[in-house]
């Protein structure tokens, strides 16, 4: 599901995608909040996880898909068309930890990963139209010398999500352990 504003008409829209349990049939519906009726739309080109959060940036809603490889799917709220968005190089993305957000009106991917000694997060800022991308933040989170059972849990499911940047330039984010 995604919610956003059409930058051309100024209308707010909700987009929901439905998939059958075998991921064979895909459906898409749009609700223009001004009209108040759901209408069918072309099916999305591929499955997007129901647990994946969306982000609306500059009149498009974005979802990440990370089943086989990391992909970004965009839905333009004005033209009501899907499109693929280039992602950072595959070697830079750990598919299980990719979080997509709108941070200061920019599309960003927060990629949590490990090195031999530490947990880290790289935050990629992306231009959704021309595909250019750059690393905006690279942060060492904590060392891996924590309790090994906790680390095993983190290794499978740990993620971080950027929330905001303060006026002083501090980045605020939270993780799946509900820490700010």
C-alpha atoms as a PDB file:
ATOM      1  CA  UNK A   1       0.000   0.000   0.000  1.00  0.00           C
ATOM      2  CA  UNK A   2       1.165   3.517  -0.674  1.00  0.00           C
ATOM      3  CA  UNK A   3      -0.132   7.022  -0.090  1.00  0.00           C
ATOM      4  CA  UNK A   4       0.994  10.184  -1.808  1.00  0.00           C
ATOM      5  CA  UNK A   5       0.243  13.444  -3.582  1.00  0.00           C
ATOM      6  CA  UNK A   6       0.009  13.885  -7.345  1.00  0.00           C
ATOM      7  CA  UNK A   7       2.290  16.898  -7.919  1.00  0.00           C
ATOM      8  CA  UNK A   8       0.473  17.944 -11.119  1.00  0.00           C
ATOM      9  CA  UNK A   9      -3.173  17.909  -9.959  1.00  0.00           C
ATOM     10  CA  UNK A  10      -2.529  18.210  -6.227  1.00  0.00           C
ATOM     11  CA  UNK A  11      -4.812  15.270  -5.423  1.00  0.00           C
ATOM     12  CA  UNK A  12      -3.984  12.657  -2.817  1.00  0.00           C
ATOM     13  CA  UNK A  13      -4.112   9.009  -3.830  1.00  0.00           C
ATOM     14  CA  UNK A  14      -3.859   5.622  -2.189  1.00  0.00           C
ATOM     15  CA  UNK A  15      -2.413   2.750  -4.218  1.00  0.00           C
ATOM     16  CA  UNK A  16      -2.885  -0.816  -3.092  1.00  0.00           C
ATOM     17  CA  UNK A  17      -1.468  -3.914  -4.683  1.00  0.00           C
ATOM     18  CA  UNK A  18      -2.913  -7.337  -4.096  1.00  0.00           C
ATOM     19  CA  UNK A  19      -1.229 -10.665  -4.824  1.00  0.00           C
ATOM     20  CA  UNK A  20      -2.595 -14.186  -4.584  1.00  0.00           C
ATOM     21  CA  UNK A  21      -0.774 -16.628  -2.352  1.00  0.00           C
ATOM     22  CA  UNK A  22       1.220 -18.068  -5.268  1.00  0.00           C
ATOM     23  CA  UNK A  23       2.213 -14.584  -6.511  1.00  0.00           C
ATOM     24  CA  UNK A  24       0.811 -15.469  -9.931  1.00  0.00           C
ATOM     25  CA  UNK A  25      -2.005 -12.925 -10.058  1.00  0.00           C
ATOM     26  CA  UNK A  26      -1.334  -9.286  -9.311  1.00  0.00           C
ATOM     27  CA  UNK A  27      -3.908  -6.541  -8.933  1.00  0.00           C
ATOM     28  CA  UNK A  28      -3.611  -2.838  -8.413  1.00  0.00           C
ATOM     29  CA  UNK A  29      -6.287  -0.398  -7.301  1.00  0.00           C
ATOM     30  CA  UNK A  30      -6.184   3.368  -6.859  1.00  0.00           C
ATOM     31  CA  UNK A  31      -8.270   5.581  -4.635  1.00  0.00           C
ATOM     32  CA  UNK A  32      -8.300   9.270  -5.507  1.00  0.00           C
ATOM     33  CA  UNK A  33      -9.218  10.766  -2.138  1.00  0.00           C
ATOM     34  CA  UNK A  34     -11.171  13.604  -3.841  1.00  0.00           C
ATOM     35  CA  UNK A  35     -13.388  11.174  -5.756  1.00  0.00           C
ATOM     36  CA  UNK A  36     -13.718   8.510  -3.054  1.00  0.00           C
ATOM     37  CA  UNK A  37     -13.935   5.431  -5.301  1.00  0.00           C
ATOM     38  CA  UNK A  38     -11.500   2.591  -5.853  1.00  0.00           C
ATOM     39  CA  UNK A  39     -10.697   1.840  -9.481  1.00  0.00           C
ATOM     40  CA  UNK A  40      -8.651  -0.874 -11.104  1.00  0.00           C
ATOM     41  CA  UNK A  41      -5.253  -0.153 -12.559  1.00  0.00           C
ATOM     42  CA  UNK A  42      -2.780  -2.115 -14.637  1.00  0.00           C
ATOM     43  CA  UNK A  43      -1.148  -4.897 -12.663  1.00  0.00           C
ATOM     44  CA  UNK A  44       2.251  -4.217 -11.121  1.00  0.00           C
ATOM     45  CA  UNK A  45       5.138  -5.757 -13.071  1.00  0.00           C
ATOM     46  CA  UNK A  46       6.273  -7.923 -10.156  1.00  0.00           C
ATOM     47  CA  UNK A  47       5.531  -8.875  -6.573  1.00  0.00           C
ATOM     48  CA  UNK A  48       6.229  -6.344  -3.843  1.00  0.00           C
ATOM     49  CA  UNK A  49       6.273  -7.695  -0.293  1.00  0.00           C
ATOM     50  CA  UNK A  50       3.214  -6.876   1.780  1.00  0.00           C
ATOM     51  CA  UNK A  51       5.442  -5.979   4.706  1.00  0.00           C
ATOM     52  CA  UNK A  52       7.503  -3.546   2.662  1.00  0.00           C
ATOM     53  CA  UNK A  53       6.896   0.092   3.447  1.00  0.00           C
ATOM     54  CA  UNK A  54       6.441   2.620   0.679  1.00  0.00           C
ATOM     55  CA  UNK A  55       7.762   6.151   0.302  1.00  0.00           C
ATOM     56  CA  UNK A  56       6.268   9.025  -1.668  1.00  0.00           C
ATOM     57  CA  UNK A  57       8.731  11.452  -3.233  1.00  0.00           C
ATOM     58  CA  UNK A  58       8.002  14.122  -5.861  1.00  0.00           C
ATOM     59  CA  UNK A  59       4.666  12.707  -6.980  1.00  0.00           C
ATOM     60  CA  UNK A  60       5.630   9.028  -7.148  1.00  0.00           C
ATOM     61  CA  UNK A  61       5.234   6.178  -4.690  1.00  0.00           C
ATOM     62  CA  UNK A  62       8.194   3.795  -4.353  1.00  0.00           C
ATOM     63  CA  UNK A  63       8.441   0.235  -3.045  1.00  0.00           C
ATOM     64  CA  UNK A  64      11.470  -2.008  -2.693  1.00  0.00           C
ATOM     65  CA  UNK A  65      11.404  -5.669  -3.640  1.00  0.00           C
ATOM     66  CA  UNK A  66      14.139  -7.900  -2.313  1.00  0.00           C
ATOM     67  CA  UNK A  67      13.108 -11.508  -2.914  1.00  0.00           C
ATOM     68  CA  UNK A  68      15.638 -12.381  -5.607  1.00  0.00           C
ATOM     69  CA  UNK A  69      17.547  -9.125  -5.919  1.00  0.00           C
ATOM     70  CA  UNK A  70      16.892  -5.600  -4.804  1.00  0.00           C
ATOM     71  CA  UNK A  71      14.552  -3.723  -7.136  1.00  0.00           C
ATOM     72  CA  UNK A  72      12.781  -0.413  -6.804  1.00  0.00           C
ATOM     73  CA  UNK A  73       9.303  -0.030  -8.238  1.00  0.00           C
ATOM     74  CA  UNK A  74       7.816   3.428  -8.749  1.00  0.00           C
ATOM     75  CA  UNK A  75       4.238   4.440  -9.465  1.00  0.00           C
ATOM     76  CA  UNK A  76       3.758   7.927 -10.908  1.00  0.00           C
ATOM     77  CA  UNK A  77       0.606   9.358  -9.317  1.00  0.00           C
ATOM     78  CA  UNK A  78      -0.132  11.637 -12.294  1.00  0.00           C
ATOM     79  CA  UNK A  79       0.378   9.274 -15.244  1.00  0.00           C
ATOM     80  CA  UNK A  80      -0.575   6.257 -13.093  1.00  0.00           C
ATOM     81  CA  UNK A  81       2.188   4.166 -14.662  1.00  0.00           C
ATOM     82  CA  UNK A  82       4.701   1.809 -13.044  1.00  0.00           C
ATOM     83  CA  UNK A  83       8.419   2.068 -13.770  1.00  0.00           C
ATOM     84  CA  UNK A  84      11.625   0.469 -12.498  1.00  0.00           C
ATOM     85  CA  UNK A  85      14.177   2.666 -10.774  1.00  0.00           C
ATOM     86  CA  UNK A  86      17.919   1.859 -10.916  1.00  0.00           C
ATOM     87  CA  UNK A  87      19.400   0.716  -7.597  1.00  0.00           C
ATOM     88  CA  UNK A  88      22.935   0.989  -6.219  1.00  0.00           C
ATOM     89  CA  UNK A  89      25.364  -1.718  -7.385  1.00  0.00           C
ATOM     90  CA  UNK A  90      24.382  -5.207  -6.257  1.00  0.00           C
ATOM     91  CA  UNK A  91      27.632  -5.565  -4.323  1.00  0.00           C
ATOM     92  CA  UNK A  92      26.556  -2.612  -2.151  1.00  0.00           C
ATOM     93  CA  UNK A  93      23.136  -3.945  -1.182  1.00  0.00           C
ATOM     94  CA  UNK A  94      22.226  -6.528   1.407  1.00  0.00           C
ATOM     95  CA  UNK A  95      18.741  -7.367   0.204  1.00  0.00           C
ATOM     96  CA  UNK A  96      17.288  -8.302   3.590  1.00  0.00           C
ATOM     97  CA  UNK A  97      18.066  -4.943   5.143  1.00  0.00           C
ATOM     98  CA  UNK A  98      17.081  -2.481   2.421  1.00  0.00           C
ATOM     99  CA  UNK A  99      14.665   0.174   3.748  1.00  0.00           C
ATOM    100  CA  UNK A 100      13.200   2.861   1.495  1.00  0.00           C
ATOM    101  CA  UNK A 101      12.129   6.273   2.815  1.00  0.00           C
ATOM    102  CA  UNK A 102      11.528   9.904   1.937  1.00  0.00           C
ATOM    103  CA  UNK A 103      14.229  11.883   3.730  1.00  0.00           C
ATOM    104  CA  UNK A 104      14.132  15.642   3.163  1.00  0.00           C
ATOM    105  CA  UNK A 105      12.187  15.184  -0.092  1.00  0.00           C
ATOM    106  CA  UNK A 106      14.752  12.725  -1.441  1.00  0.00           C
ATOM    107  CA  UNK A 107      14.365   9.034  -2.114  1.00  0.00           C
ATOM    108  CA  UNK A 108      16.839   7.155   0.080  1.00  0.00           C
ATOM    109  CA  UNK A 109      17.750   3.534   0.694  1.00  0.00           C
ATOM    110  CA  UNK A 110      19.092   2.569   4.094  1.00  0.00           C
ATOM    111  CA  UNK A 111      21.214  -0.551   3.759  1.00  0.00           C
ATOM    112  CA  UNK A 112      22.284  -2.253   6.978  1.00  0.00           C
ATOM    113  CA  UNK A 113      25.226  -4.651   6.637  1.00  0.00           C
ATOM    114  CA  UNK A 114      28.040  -6.267   8.596  1.00  0.00           C
ATOM    115  CA  UNK A 115      31.785  -6.255   8.262  1.00  0.00           C
ATOM    116  CA  UNK A 116      33.988  -8.664  10.176  1.00  0.00           C
ATOM    117  CA  UNK A 117      33.855  -6.418  13.262  1.00  0.00           C
ATOM    118  CA  UNK A 118      30.852  -4.076  13.084  1.00  0.00           C
ATOM    119  CA  UNK A 119      27.248  -3.475  12.087  1.00  0.00           C
ATOM    120  CA  UNK A 120      26.968  -0.539   9.696  1.00  0.00           C
ATOM    121  CA  UNK A 121      24.397   1.374   7.692  1.00  0.00           C
ATOM    122  CA  UNK A 122      24.878   3.140   4.368  1.00  0.00           C
ATOM    123  CA  UNK A 123      22.233   5.590   3.308  1.00  0.00           C
ATOM    124  CA  UNK A 124      22.015   6.075  -0.434  1.00  0.00           C
ATOM    125  CA  UNK A 125      20.373   9.216  -1.770  1.00  0.00           C
ATOM    126  CA  UNK A 126      18.833   8.649  -5.169  1.00  0.00           C
ATOM    127  CA  UNK A 127      17.527  10.809  -7.957  1.00  0.00           C
ATOM    128  CA  UNK A 128      14.447   8.862  -8.964  1.00  0.00           C
ATOM    129  CA  UNK A 129      14.326  10.291 -12.485  1.00  0.00           C
ATOM    130  CA  UNK A 130      17.853   9.982 -13.827  1.00  0.00           C
ATOM    131  CA  UNK A 131      19.026   7.138 -11.570  1.00  0.00           C
ATOM    132  CA  UNK A 132      22.027   8.945 -10.106  1.00  0.00           C
ATOM    133  CA  UNK A 133      22.843   7.902  -6.583  1.00  0.00           C
ATOM    134  CA  UNK A 134      25.368   8.699  -3.913  1.00  0.00           C
ATOM    135  CA  UNK A 135      26.152   7.655  -0.371  1.00  0.00           C
ATOM    136  CA  UNK A 136      24.813  10.396   1.889  1.00  0.00           C
ATOM    137  CA  UNK A 137      25.702   8.746   5.215  1.00  0.00           C
ATOM    138  CA  UNK A 138      27.904   5.820   6.193  1.00  0.00           C
ATOM    139  CA  UNK A 139      27.563   5.017   9.888  1.00  0.00           C
ATOM    140  CA  UNK A 140      29.166   2.400  12.133  1.00  0.00           C
ATOM    141  CA  UNK A 141      26.355   1.268  14.434  1.00  0.00           C
ATOM    142  CA  UNK A 142      27.975  -1.099  16.959  1.00  0.00           C
ATOM    143  CA  UNK A 143      30.564  -3.829  17.223  1.00  0.00           C
ATOM    144  CA  UNK A 144      29.815  -7.501  16.739  1.00  0.00           C
ATOM    145  CA  UNK A 145      31.250  -8.481  20.133  1.00  0.00           C
ATOM    146  CA  UNK A 146      27.739  -8.562  21.598  1.00  0.00           C
ATOM    147  CA  UNK A 147      26.110 -11.733  22.884  1.00  0.00           C
ATOM    148  CA  UNK A 148      26.245 -14.233  19.999  1.00  0.00           C
ATOM    149  CA  UNK A 149      22.555 -15.234  20.243  1.00  0.00           C
ATOM    150  CA  UNK A 150      21.579 -11.570  19.847  1.00  0.00           C
ATOM    151  CA  UNK A 151      23.955 -11.236  16.897  1.00  0.00           C
ATOM    152  CA  UNK A 152      22.464 -14.305  15.193  1.00  0.00           C
ATOM    153  CA  UNK A 153      19.017 -12.731  15.528  1.00  0.00           C
ATOM    154  CA  UNK A 154      20.297  -9.413  14.168  1.00  0.00           C
ATOM    155  CA  UNK A 155      22.142 -11.051  11.317  1.00  0.00           C
ATOM    156  CA  UNK A 156      18.867 -12.286   9.861  1.00  0.00           C
ATOM    157  CA  UNK A 157      16.502  -9.426  10.616  1.00  0.00           C
ATOM    158  CA  UNK A 158      18.313  -6.252  11.644  1.00  0.00           C
ATOM    159  CA  UNK A 159      17.398  -3.043   9.795  1.00  0.00           C
ATOM    160  CA  UNK A 160      17.477   0.703  10.305  1.00  0.00           C
ATOM    161  CA  UNK A 161      15.093   3.350   8.961  1.00  0.00           C
ATOM    162  CA  UNK A 162      16.069   7.040   8.707  1.00  0.00           C
ATOM    163  CA  UNK A 163      13.460   9.397  10.151  1.00  0.00           C
ATOM    164  CA  UNK A 164      14.717  12.972   9.952  1.00  0.00           C
ATOM    165  CA  UNK A 165      17.715  15.265   9.821  1.00  0.00           C
ATOM    166  CA  UNK A 166      17.862  17.988  12.477  1.00  0.00           C
ATOM    167  CA  UNK A 167      18.744  21.617  11.771  1.00  0.00           C
ATOM    168  CA  UNK A 168      22.188  20.810  13.164  1.00  0.00           C
ATOM    169  CA  UNK A 169      22.637  17.985  10.644  1.00  0.00           C
ATOM    170  CA  UNK A 170      22.078  15.086  13.041  1.00  0.00           C
ATOM    171  CA  UNK A 171      20.444  12.039  11.493  1.00  0.00           C
ATOM    172  CA  UNK A 172      17.692  10.362  13.505  1.00  0.00           C
ATOM    173  CA  UNK A 173      16.761   6.783  12.707  1.00  0.00           C
ATOM    174  CA  UNK A 174      15.182   3.785  14.396  1.00  0.00           C
ATOM    175  CA  UNK A 175      15.728   0.072  14.075  1.00  0.00           C
ATOM    176  CA  UNK A 176      13.696  -3.106  14.294  1.00  0.00           C
ATOM    177  CA  UNK A 177      14.451  -3.255  18.023  1.00  0.00           C
ATOM    178  CA  UNK A 178      12.447   0.015  18.367  1.00  0.00           C
ATOM    179  CA  UNK A 179      15.472   2.061  19.343  1.00  0.00           C
ATOM    180  CA  UNK A 180      15.821   5.690  18.251  1.00  0.00           C
END
